[in-house]
Amino acid sequence: MRNSLFALVFAASPALAQAPDVSAIVDAHVLPGYQALAESTAALATTAEQHCSTDDPKLQEAYGAGFDAWIAVSHLRFGPSEQGDRAFALAFWPDSRGATPKALGQLIRDEDPVVQSLDSFQNVSIAARGFYAMEFLLYDDQFSAAGSEAYRCALVQVMSADIAATSAAILADWETGYADLMRQPGNDTYRTAEEAAKQLFTALATGLEFTGDTRIGRPMGSYDRPRPMRSETRRSGRSLRHVVLSLAALRDLGARLSGGDKALDTAFARALTRADNLDDPVFAGVSDPQGRIRIEALQQRISEIREIVAQDLGPRLGIAAGFNSMDGD
C-alpha cells in the first residue's frame, strides 16, 4: 500500500476519557466524514461535466476520491444514510445476483432517456446507481465501451450527479437535526445518552464485522473453493484499499468510544501493519496457499479487534458481551 494511505491510520487518538462523549464523536468523527463525502462527490459531479469519457484520468481520480470518502463513513449505517435507502443508492454491494451489470446493460442497450434528468434517474433500479455501478462504467471493458459515446457520457454525468445529491442529502439531514438528536438525548430516537453511545458502538462492531466477514470473507470462500472474483471493487483494484480505509475510520471511532484504550489501538495497529505488508490489492492470493495464509492472517487480526470490542469495550459501555452487531440490539 502507498505510504500516504497507510500514514493516515496513525493519527493521534483522542485523550483518555471516562465515558464516551457522544457530542464530541458526532462533531469530530461523524460530521467531518460526511462533509468530506459531500465535498468530494460534488467535485466528482463537477469533473464529470467536463471529463465524461470513461477512461479519462481526471474522472477516475475524482471517482476514487469520492469512493474513499464513502468508505470512511460506510460504517455509519444509521439515521440519514438509511433514510430512503440512501446508503444502498451509494453502495449496492454485495451484489450476489449480478443485479448491477444487468441493470446497467439494460440502460445502455435501450439508451434509456432516464439519464436526461436527475429526478428521473433517481427512480431507476438502485443497482444501477452509486459507486459500484460507476465502477463497471469506468473499469469493466464490457461497459466502458458499450453503446454510444454520447450515451455513456450522459450516464456518467447523471450517475455522478446522483451520487453527489445523495451525499449532500445525508449531510444536510445530519447538520439540520439528526446530530442534535444524538447530542441532546431525551427524544423519540435516543431516550438516553447510553442509547446514543450504543448506536455508535453498533456502528463500530458492524463495520468490523463487514470488513472481516464480507470484504475479506467473500473472496476467501473456502480452501477448496476460493472466490477471488468476488473481491470488492476488484475491477478498479481497490479491494485492499477499502479494508485499510475502513480500519482507519473504525480505529478513530474505537478510540473515541473507548477513551483511547491502548489494547484496542494496538490491535488496530497490528491489523493495519498486516494490511500494509500484504501487497495484494484485490486479494488474488486467496487461490494460492501462501497468499491465502497471509490474507487469513489479516482476517485474524480483525477478529482480534472484534474480540476486544465485544468482550471489553461492550461491557464497559453497558452492552452485553453476547451482543450481535447485525441485530442492531
Protein backbone atom coordinates (compact mmCIF):
# COMPACT_ATOMS: atom_id res chain seq x y z
CA MET A 1 0.00 0.00 0.00
CA ARG A 2 1.16 3.57 -0.59
CA ASN A 3 2.78 5.20 2.41
CA SER A 4 0.42 8.17 2.11
CA LEU A 5 -2.58 5.88 2.57
CA PHE A 6 -1.06 3.93 5.43
CA ALA A 7 0.06 7.08 7.24
CA LEU A 8 -3.50 8.22 7.86
CA VAL A 9 -4.12 5.33 10.25
CA PHE A 10 -1.59 6.68 12.74
CA ALA A 11 -3.38 9.93 13.52
CA ALA A 12 -3.37 10.91 17.18
CA SER A 13 -6.03 9.26 19.31
CA PRO A 14 -8.43 11.30 21.46
CA ALA A 15 -7.49 11.84 25.08
CA LEU A 16 -8.45 9.19 27.59
CA ALA A 17 -11.97 9.70 28.90
CA GLN A 18 -14.14 8.00 31.49
CA ALA A 19 -17.17 7.65 29.21
CA PRO A 20 -17.77 8.27 25.54
CA ASP A 21 -18.62 11.87 24.72
CA VAL A 22 -21.29 11.37 22.07
CA SER A 23 -21.38 15.05 21.14
CA ALA A 24 -17.63 15.06 20.55
CA ILE A 25 -17.85 11.91 18.44
CA VAL A 26 -20.60 13.43 16.31
CA ASP A 27 -18.62 16.65 15.86
CA ALA A 28 -15.17 15.12 15.34
CA HIS A 29 -15.93 11.78 13.65
CA VAL A 30 -19.36 11.73 12.05
CA LEU A 31 -19.86 15.22 10.66
CA PRO A 32 -16.34 15.67 9.22
CA GLY A 33 -16.70 12.31 7.47
CA TYR A 34 -19.97 13.23 5.82
CA GLN A 35 -18.69 16.72 4.99
CA ALA A 36 -15.72 15.15 3.19
CA LEU A 37 -18.11 12.84 1.34
CA ALA A 38 -20.33 15.71 0.22
CA GLU A 39 -17.35 17.80 -0.89
CA SER A 40 -15.59 15.03 -2.79
CA THR A 41 -18.74 13.83 -4.55
CA ALA A 42 -19.65 17.39 -5.53
CA ALA A 43 -16.17 17.57 -7.07
CA LEU A 44 -16.86 14.28 -8.87
CA ALA A 45 -20.07 15.68 -10.38
CA THR A 46 -18.27 18.85 -11.47
CA THR A 47 -15.43 16.85 -13.01
CA ALA A 48 -17.86 14.62 -14.89
CA GLU A 49 -19.37 17.67 -16.59
CA GLN A 50 -16.09 18.29 -18.39
CA HIS A 51 -14.47 14.84 -18.31
CA CYS A 52 -17.14 12.23 -19.01
CA SER A 53 -15.07 9.76 -21.03
CA THR A 54 -14.86 6.52 -19.07
CA ASP A 55 -11.07 6.33 -19.49
CA ASP A 56 -10.39 9.95 -18.53
CA PRO A 57 -7.79 10.01 -15.71
CA LYS A 58 -9.33 13.12 -14.15
CA LEU A 59 -12.72 11.42 -13.91
CA GLN A 60 -11.19 8.28 -12.45
CA GLU A 61 -9.22 10.30 -9.90
CA ALA A 62 -12.33 12.20 -8.79
CA TYR A 63 -14.26 8.93 -8.60
CA GLY A 64 -11.56 7.40 -6.41
CA ALA A 65 -11.55 10.39 -4.05
CA GLY A 66 -15.32 10.22 -3.65
CA PHE A 67 -15.24 6.47 -3.07
CA ASP A 68 -12.51 6.88 -0.45
CA ALA A 69 -14.72 9.34 1.40
CA TRP A 70 -17.67 6.94 1.31
CA ILE A 71 -15.65 4.05 2.74
CA ALA A 72 -14.59 6.33 5.61
CA VAL A 73 -18.26 6.72 6.66
CA SER A 74 -19.67 3.45 5.39
CA HIS A 75 -19.85 2.04 8.93
CA LEU A 76 -22.27 4.81 9.95
CA ARG A 77 -25.28 2.96 8.61
CA PHE A 78 -28.00 4.60 10.67
CA GLY A 79 -30.10 7.74 10.64
CA PRO A 80 -29.85 9.89 7.49
CA SER A 81 -27.83 7.35 5.49
CA GLU A 82 -30.61 4.79 5.89
CA GLN A 83 -33.47 7.14 5.04
CA GLY A 84 -34.79 6.38 1.56
CA ASP A 85 -32.16 3.64 1.16
CA ARG A 86 -29.54 6.34 0.57
CA ALA A 87 -26.65 4.12 1.63
CA PHE A 88 -27.72 1.45 -0.86
CA ALA A 89 -28.07 4.13 -3.55
CA LEU A 90 -24.41 4.96 -2.94
CA ALA A 91 -23.12 1.45 -2.35
CA PHE A 92 -25.10 -1.53 -3.62
CA TRP A 93 -22.74 -4.35 -2.67
CA PRO A 94 -22.51 -7.31 -2.22
CA ASP A 95 -24.47 -7.98 -5.38
CA SER A 96 -24.76 -11.77 -5.26
CA ARG A 97 -27.29 -11.92 -8.11
CA GLY A 98 -25.45 -9.66 -10.51
CA ALA A 99 -28.18 -7.03 -10.49
CA THR A 100 -25.82 -4.15 -11.24
CA PRO A 101 -24.46 -5.34 -14.61
CA LYS A 102 -27.97 -6.40 -15.64
CA ALA A 103 -29.46 -3.01 -14.81
CA LEU A 104 -26.63 -1.08 -16.43
CA GLY A 105 -26.71 -3.26 -19.52
CA GLN A 106 -30.41 -2.63 -19.93
CA LEU A 107 -30.00 1.13 -19.67
CA ILE A 108 -27.23 1.19 -22.26
CA ARG A 109 -28.89 -1.22 -24.71
CA ASP A 110 -32.13 0.76 -24.63
CA GLU A 111 -30.37 4.14 -24.48
CA ASP A 112 -32.97 4.85 -21.84
CA PRO A 113 -33.76 8.59 -21.76
CA VAL A 114 -33.95 8.40 -17.97
CA VAL A 115 -30.36 9.72 -17.97
CA GLN A 116 -31.53 13.10 -19.21
CA SER A 117 -32.88 14.09 -15.78
CA LEU A 118 -31.50 13.58 -12.28
CA ASP A 119 -35.02 13.26 -10.89
CA SER A 120 -35.81 10.52 -13.40
CA PHE A 121 -32.53 8.71 -12.87
CA GLN A 122 -33.12 8.53 -9.11
CA ASN A 123 -36.07 6.25 -9.84
CA VAL A 124 -34.07 3.59 -11.70
CA SER A 125 -33.08 0.32 -10.06
CA ILE A 126 -30.89 1.01 -7.06
CA ALA A 127 -28.42 -1.49 -8.53
CA ALA A 128 -27.68 0.95 -11.37
CA ARG A 129 -26.78 3.79 -9.02
CA GLY A 130 -23.79 4.67 -6.91
CA PHE A 131 -20.09 3.89 -6.71
CA TYR A 132 -20.25 0.20 -7.58
CA ALA A 133 -22.32 0.78 -10.70
CA MET A 134 -19.93 3.54 -11.74
CA GLU A 135 -17.01 1.17 -11.29
CA PHE A 136 -18.46 -1.01 -14.06
CA LEU A 137 -18.66 2.01 -16.34
CA LEU A 138 -15.11 3.13 -15.69
CA TYR A 139 -13.21 -0.13 -15.30
CA ASP A 140 -15.08 -3.01 -16.94
CA ASP A 141 -14.42 -3.47 -20.67
CA GLN A 142 -17.93 -4.82 -21.15
CA PHE A 143 -19.40 -1.44 -20.17
CA SER A 144 -16.69 1.19 -20.63
CA ALA A 145 -17.05 0.94 -24.42
CA ALA A 146 -20.67 -0.24 -24.65
CA GLY A 147 -23.31 1.72 -26.54
CA SER A 148 -22.69 5.16 -27.95
CA GLU A 149 -20.10 7.53 -26.55
CA ALA A 150 -22.76 10.21 -26.10
CA TYR A 151 -24.97 7.94 -24.03
CA ARG A 152 -22.08 6.75 -21.85
CA CYS A 153 -21.17 10.38 -21.23
CA ALA A 154 -24.74 11.23 -20.20
CA LEU A 155 -24.85 8.18 -17.94
CA VAL A 156 -21.55 9.06 -16.25
CA GLN A 157 -22.75 12.61 -15.67
CA VAL A 158 -26.15 11.77 -14.22
CA MET A 159 -24.69 8.97 -12.10
CA SER A 160 -22.11 11.37 -10.66
CA ALA A 161 -24.78 14.00 -10.02
CA ASP A 162 -26.90 11.38 -8.26
CA ILE A 163 -24.01 10.33 -6.02
CA ALA A 164 -23.36 13.98 -5.14
CA ALA A 165 -27.05 14.72 -4.46
CA THR A 166 -27.44 11.67 -2.23
CA SER A 167 -24.30 12.54 -0.27
CA ALA A 168 -25.43 16.15 0.16
CA ALA A 169 -28.84 15.00 1.41
CA ILE A 170 -27.26 12.76 4.06
CA LEU A 171 -25.06 15.60 5.29
CA ALA A 172 -27.93 18.08 5.32
CA ASP A 173 -30.05 15.78 7.49
CA TRP A 174 -27.18 15.31 9.93
CA GLU A 175 -26.49 19.02 10.17
CA THR A 176 -30.11 20.16 10.42
CA GLY A 177 -31.45 17.77 13.00
CA TYR A 178 -30.05 14.29 13.42
CA ALA A 179 -26.80 15.42 15.05
CA ASP A 180 -28.80 17.17 17.75
CA LEU A 181 -30.81 14.01 18.41
CA MET A 182 -27.55 12.34 19.42
CA ARG A 183 -26.07 15.36 21.18
CA GLN A 184 -29.21 16.01 23.20
CA PRO A 185 -30.88 12.67 24.03
CA GLY A 186 -34.29 12.53 25.58
CA ASN A 187 -36.16 12.25 22.31
CA ASP A 188 -38.03 9.53 20.46
CA THR A 189 -34.85 8.35 18.70
CA TYR A 190 -32.41 8.37 21.65
CA ARG A 191 -34.01 8.42 25.06
CA THR A 192 -30.68 8.46 26.90
CA ALA A 193 -27.01 9.19 26.27
CA GLU A 194 -26.39 5.46 26.70
CA GLU A 195 -28.66 4.69 23.74
CA ALA A 196 -26.77 7.15 21.56
CA ALA A 197 -23.45 5.61 22.63
CA LYS A 198 -24.84 2.16 21.89
CA GLN A 199 -25.71 3.29 18.36
CA LEU A 200 -22.11 4.32 17.78
CA PHE A 201 -20.87 1.07 19.32
CA THR A 202 -23.12 -0.81 16.89
CA ALA A 203 -21.54 1.12 14.00
CA LEU A 204 -18.09 0.10 15.22
CA ALA A 205 -18.97 -3.57 15.70
CA THR A 206 -20.89 -3.85 12.43
CA GLY A 207 -18.15 -2.10 10.49
CA LEU A 208 -15.56 -4.55 11.78
CA GLU A 209 -17.85 -7.48 11.02
CA PHE A 210 -18.47 -6.29 7.46
CA THR A 211 -14.79 -5.72 6.79
CA GLY A 212 -13.68 -9.07 8.18
CA ASP A 213 -16.52 -11.31 7.05
CA THR A 214 -17.56 -9.65 3.79
CA ARG A 215 -14.73 -7.55 2.37
CA ILE A 216 -12.25 -10.33 3.13
CA GLY A 217 -14.53 -13.33 3.72
CA ARG A 218 -16.30 -13.23 0.34
CA PRO A 219 -13.18 -13.65 -1.79
CA MET A 220 -11.76 -16.13 0.72
CA GLY A 221 -14.61 -18.56 0.10
CA SER A 222 -13.33 -21.93 1.29
CA TYR A 223 -9.91 -23.53 0.97
CA ASP A 224 -11.19 -25.90 -1.71
CA ARG A 225 -13.20 -23.20 -3.45
CA PRO A 226 -11.68 -19.73 -3.14
CA ARG A 227 -13.65 -16.88 -4.72
CA PRO A 228 -11.19 -14.18 -5.86
CA MET A 229 -13.68 -12.83 -8.41
CA ARG A 230 -15.95 -11.84 -5.52
CA SER A 231 -13.46 -9.30 -4.19
CA GLU A 232 -14.97 -5.88 -3.63
CA THR A 233 -14.05 -3.38 -6.38
CA ARG A 234 -11.55 -5.76 -7.97
CA ARG A 235 -12.06 -4.03 -11.34
CA SER A 236 -10.60 -0.79 -10.03
CA GLY A 237 -8.02 -2.53 -7.82
CA ARG A 238 -9.43 -1.10 -4.60
CA SER A 239 -10.21 -4.22 -2.54
CA LEU A 240 -7.38 -3.99 -0.01
CA ARG A 241 -7.58 -0.20 -0.03
CA HIS A 242 -11.15 -0.42 1.25
CA VAL A 243 -10.05 -2.63 4.13
CA VAL A 244 -7.36 -0.12 5.11
CA LEU A 245 -9.65 2.90 4.82
CA SER A 246 -12.37 1.16 6.81
CA LEU A 247 -9.98 0.09 9.56
CA ALA A 248 -8.58 3.63 9.78
CA ALA A 249 -12.05 5.10 10.27
CA LEU A 250 -13.06 2.38 12.73
CA ARG A 251 -9.85 2.88 14.66
CA ASP A 252 -10.74 6.53 15.16
CA LEU A 253 -14.27 5.68 16.28
CA GLY A 254 -13.00 2.93 18.58
CA ALA A 255 -10.51 5.29 20.20
CA ARG A 256 -13.19 7.88 20.83
CA LEU A 257 -15.64 5.36 22.26
CA SER A 258 -13.01 3.72 24.48
CA GLY A 259 -11.25 6.86 25.64
CA GLY A 260 -8.07 5.89 23.84
CA ASP A 261 -7.83 2.31 25.09
CA LYS A 262 -4.28 1.11 24.44
CA ALA A 263 -5.07 -2.57 23.83
CA LEU A 264 -7.72 -1.69 21.28
CA ASP A 265 -5.47 0.76 19.45
CA THR A 266 -2.62 -1.75 19.42
CA ALA A 267 -4.91 -4.36 17.87
CA PHE A 268 -5.88 -1.91 15.14
CA ALA A 269 -2.22 -1.08 14.54
CA ARG A 270 -1.37 -4.77 14.12
CA ALA A 271 -4.16 -5.25 11.59
CA LEU A 272 -3.13 -2.19 9.61
CA THR A 273 0.51 -3.25 9.59
CA ARG A 274 -0.56 -6.66 8.30
CA ALA A 275 -2.61 -4.98 5.57
CA ASP A 276 0.26 -2.69 4.60
CA ASN A 277 2.56 -5.69 4.19
CA LEU A 278 0.08 -7.75 2.18
CA ASP A 279 0.84 -6.36 -1.31
CA ASP A 280 -2.26 -8.00 -2.78
CA PRO A 281 -4.62 -5.19 -3.86
CA VAL A 282 -7.51 -7.42 -4.99
CA PHE A 283 -6.96 -10.49 -2.76
CA ALA A 284 -5.93 -12.60 -5.74
CA GLY A 285 -3.77 -14.57 -3.33
CA VAL A 286 -6.76 -16.42 -1.89
CA SER A 287 -6.18 -19.04 -4.62
CA ASP A 288 -2.55 -19.59 -3.63
CA PRO A 289 -1.70 -21.43 -0.38
CA GLN A 290 0.92 -18.93 0.75
CA GLY A 291 -1.11 -15.94 -0.34
CA ARG A 292 -4.15 -17.33 1.42
CA ILE A 293 -2.23 -17.68 4.68
CA ARG A 294 -1.30 -14.00 4.54
CA ILE A 295 -4.89 -12.93 3.88
CA GLU A 296 -6.15 -15.21 6.64
CA ALA A 297 -3.65 -13.56 8.99
CA LEU A 298 -5.18 -10.16 8.19
CA GLN A 299 -8.65 -11.54 8.81
CA GLN A 300 -7.45 -12.94 12.13
CA ARG A 301 -6.06 -9.56 13.20
CA ILE A 302 -9.51 -8.07 12.55
CA SER A 303 -11.09 -10.87 14.58
CA GLU A 304 -8.80 -9.91 17.47
CA ILE A 305 -10.08 -6.34 17.31
CA ARG A 306 -13.66 -7.61 17.28
CA GLU A 307 -12.99 -9.72 20.37
CA ILE A 308 -11.69 -6.72 22.31
CA VAL A 309 -14.67 -4.66 21.21
CA ALA A 310 -17.16 -7.34 22.22
CA GLN A 311 -15.53 -8.60 25.41
CA ASP A 312 -14.05 -5.39 26.82
CA LEU A 313 -15.46 -2.24 25.28
CA GLY A 314 -19.04 -3.50 25.06
CA PRO A 315 -19.38 -4.36 28.76
CA ARG A 316 -17.71 -1.05 29.70
CA LEU A 317 -20.47 0.71 27.76
CA GLY A 318 -23.12 -1.47 29.37
CA ILE A 319 -23.59 -3.67 26.31
CA ALA A 320 -23.67 -7.43 26.88
CA ALA A 321 -20.77 -9.49 25.59
CA GLY A 322 -23.19 -11.60 23.56
CA PHE A 323 -24.35 -8.53 21.60
CA ASN A 324 -24.89 -9.25 17.90
CA SER A 325 -23.94 -6.18 15.87
CA MET A 326 -26.03 -7.27 12.89
CA ASP A 327 -29.16 -7.39 15.02
CA GLY A 328 -28.87 -3.75 15.99
CA ASP A 329 -29.89 -4.52 19.58
